[in-house]
Amino acid sequence: MTLAHFLDGLRCACCGALNMLWLDPLRGLVECRECGQSALAFPEIGEAQ
């Protein structure tokens, strides 16, 4: 079981579905629940201001 976070107000770049993106922070993955497209999410490290 993975903990996923709903990404409110964002649109899928592939299918255009609104409010269908989910972030899985353990795997670093964003997934569209409408079309199944997924993308890796890379955090910025060392960019302190």
N, C-alpha and C. Protein backbone atom coordinates (compact mmCIF):
# COMPACT_ATOMS: atom_id res chain seq x y z
N MET A 1 0.85 -1.18 0.00
CA MET A 1 0.00 0.00 0.00
C MET A 1 0.89 1.24 0.00
N THR A 2 0.61 2.17 -0.89
CA THR A 2 1.39 3.41 -0.94
C THR A 2 0.49 4.59 -0.58
N LEU A 3 1.10 5.59 0.00
CA LEU A 3 0.41 6.82 0.36
C LEU A 3 0.53 7.78 -0.82
N ALA A 4 -0.59 8.17 -1.41
CA ALA A 4 -0.58 9.08 -2.55
C ALA A 4 -1.30 10.37 -2.19
N HIS A 5 -0.87 11.46 -2.78
CA HIS A 5 -1.47 12.77 -2.52
C HIS A 5 -2.12 13.29 -3.80
N PHE A 6 -3.35 13.74 -3.68
CA PHE A 6 -4.10 14.33 -4.79
C PHE A 6 -3.53 15.72 -5.08
N LEU A 7 -3.24 16.00 -6.35
CA LEU A 7 -2.71 17.31 -6.75
C LEU A 7 -3.85 18.14 -7.32
N ASP A 8 -4.43 18.98 -6.49
CA ASP A 8 -5.60 19.78 -6.82
C ASP A 8 -5.24 20.93 -7.76
N GLY A 9 -6.05 21.14 -8.79
CA GLY A 9 -5.91 22.28 -9.68
C GLY A 9 -4.91 22.09 -10.81
N LEU A 10 -4.34 20.89 -10.95
CA LEU A 10 -3.37 20.64 -12.02
C LEU A 10 -4.01 19.80 -13.11
N ARG A 11 -3.54 20.01 -14.34
CA ARG A 11 -4.09 19.35 -15.52
C ARG A 11 -3.03 18.43 -16.13
N CYS A 12 -3.44 17.25 -16.60
CA CYS A 12 -2.54 16.31 -17.26
C CYS A 12 -2.11 16.88 -18.61
N ALA A 13 -0.81 16.84 -18.88
CA ALA A 13 -0.28 17.37 -20.15
C ALA A 13 -0.65 16.47 -21.33
N CYS A 14 -0.92 15.21 -21.10
CA CYS A 14 -1.23 14.28 -22.20
C CYS A 14 -2.71 14.30 -22.59
N CYS A 15 -3.59 14.09 -21.60
CA CYS A 15 -5.01 13.98 -21.93
C CYS A 15 -5.82 15.23 -21.58
N GLY A 16 -5.23 16.14 -20.79
CA GLY A 16 -5.91 17.39 -20.44
C GLY A 16 -6.90 17.27 -19.29
N ALA A 17 -6.95 16.12 -18.64
CA ALA A 17 -7.90 15.94 -17.52
C ALA A 17 -7.49 16.82 -16.33
N LEU A 18 -8.47 17.49 -15.76
CA LEU A 18 -8.25 18.37 -14.62
C LEU A 18 -8.49 17.60 -13.33
N ASN A 19 -7.63 17.83 -12.34
CA ASN A 19 -7.75 17.23 -11.00
C ASN A 19 -7.69 15.70 -11.02
N MET A 20 -6.88 15.13 -11.90
CA MET A 20 -6.73 13.68 -11.96
C MET A 20 -5.29 13.24 -11.67
N LEU A 21 -4.43 14.16 -11.23
CA LEU A 21 -3.03 13.82 -10.97
C LEU A 21 -2.83 13.45 -9.50
N TRP A 22 -2.02 12.43 -9.28
CA TRP A 22 -1.70 11.94 -7.94
C TRP A 22 -0.19 11.86 -7.81
N LEU A 23 0.32 12.24 -6.66
CA LEU A 23 1.75 12.18 -6.36
C LEU A 23 2.01 11.04 -5.38
N ASP A 24 2.92 10.17 -5.75
CA ASP A 24 3.39 9.12 -4.85
C ASP A 24 4.79 9.54 -4.38
N PRO A 25 4.90 10.13 -3.18
CA PRO A 25 6.18 10.68 -2.74
C PRO A 25 7.24 9.61 -2.45
N LEU A 26 6.83 8.40 -2.13
CA LEU A 26 7.80 7.34 -1.86
C LEU A 26 8.53 6.90 -3.11
N ARG A 27 7.82 6.84 -4.23
CA ARG A 27 8.43 6.45 -5.51
C ARG A 27 8.86 7.66 -6.34
N GLY A 28 8.47 8.87 -5.93
CA GLY A 28 8.79 10.07 -6.70
C GLY A 28 8.09 10.07 -8.05
N LEU A 29 6.82 9.70 -8.04
CA LEU A 29 6.07 9.50 -9.27
C LEU A 29 4.77 10.30 -9.25
N VAL A 30 4.47 10.96 -10.37
CA VAL A 30 3.18 11.63 -10.56
C VAL A 30 2.43 10.84 -11.62
N GLU A 31 1.17 10.50 -11.34
CA GLU A 31 0.40 9.67 -12.25
C GLU A 31 -0.97 10.27 -12.52
N CYS A 32 -1.41 10.20 -13.77
CA CYS A 32 -2.76 10.62 -14.16
C CYS A 32 -3.68 9.42 -14.03
N ARG A 33 -4.75 9.56 -13.24
CA ARG A 33 -5.69 8.46 -13.04
C ARG A 33 -6.66 8.32 -14.21
N GLU A 34 -6.66 9.28 -15.11
CA GLU A 34 -7.55 9.23 -16.28
C GLU A 34 -6.92 8.43 -17.42
N CYS A 35 -5.69 8.77 -17.81
CA CYS A 35 -5.06 8.12 -18.96
C CYS A 35 -3.92 7.18 -18.59
N GLY A 36 -3.45 7.23 -17.33
CA GLY A 36 -2.39 6.33 -16.89
C GLY A 36 -0.98 6.83 -17.14
N GLN A 37 -0.83 7.99 -17.73
CA GLN A 37 0.51 8.56 -17.97
C GLN A 37 1.19 8.83 -16.63
N SER A 38 2.49 8.57 -16.57
CA SER A 38 3.23 8.83 -15.33
C SER A 38 4.52 9.56 -15.65
N ALA A 39 5.04 10.25 -14.64
CA ALA A 39 6.28 11.01 -14.79
C ALA A 39 7.03 10.98 -13.46
N LEU A 40 8.35 11.00 -13.54
CA LEU A 40 9.17 11.06 -12.34
C LEU A 40 9.26 12.49 -11.85
N ALA A 41 9.24 12.66 -10.55
CA ALA A 41 9.36 13.99 -9.93
C ALA A 41 10.69 14.06 -9.20
N PHE A 42 11.52 15.04 -9.54
CA PHE A 42 12.82 15.21 -8.93
C PHE A 42 12.82 16.47 -8.06
N PRO A 43 13.08 16.34 -6.77
CA PRO A 43 13.15 17.53 -5.91
C PRO A 43 14.45 18.28 -6.13
N GLU A 44 14.40 19.58 -5.93
CA GLU A 44 15.61 20.39 -6.01
C GLU A 44 16.36 20.27 -4.69
N ILE A 45 17.62 19.88 -4.77
CA ILE A 45 18.43 19.69 -3.57
C ILE A 45 19.57 20.71 -3.60
N GLY A 46 19.76 21.39 -2.46
CA GLY A 46 20.86 22.34 -2.36
C GLY A 46 20.56 23.70 -2.94
N GLU A 47 19.30 24.04 -3.13
CA GLU A 47 18.92 25.34 -3.68
C GLU A 47 18.39 26.25 -2.59
N ALA A 48 19.07 26.31 -1.47
CA ALA A 48 18.63 27.17 -0.36
C ALA A 48 18.88 28.64 -0.69
N GLN A 49 17.94 29.48 -0.26
CA GLN A 49 18.08 30.92 -0.53
C GLN A 49 18.06 31.69 0.75
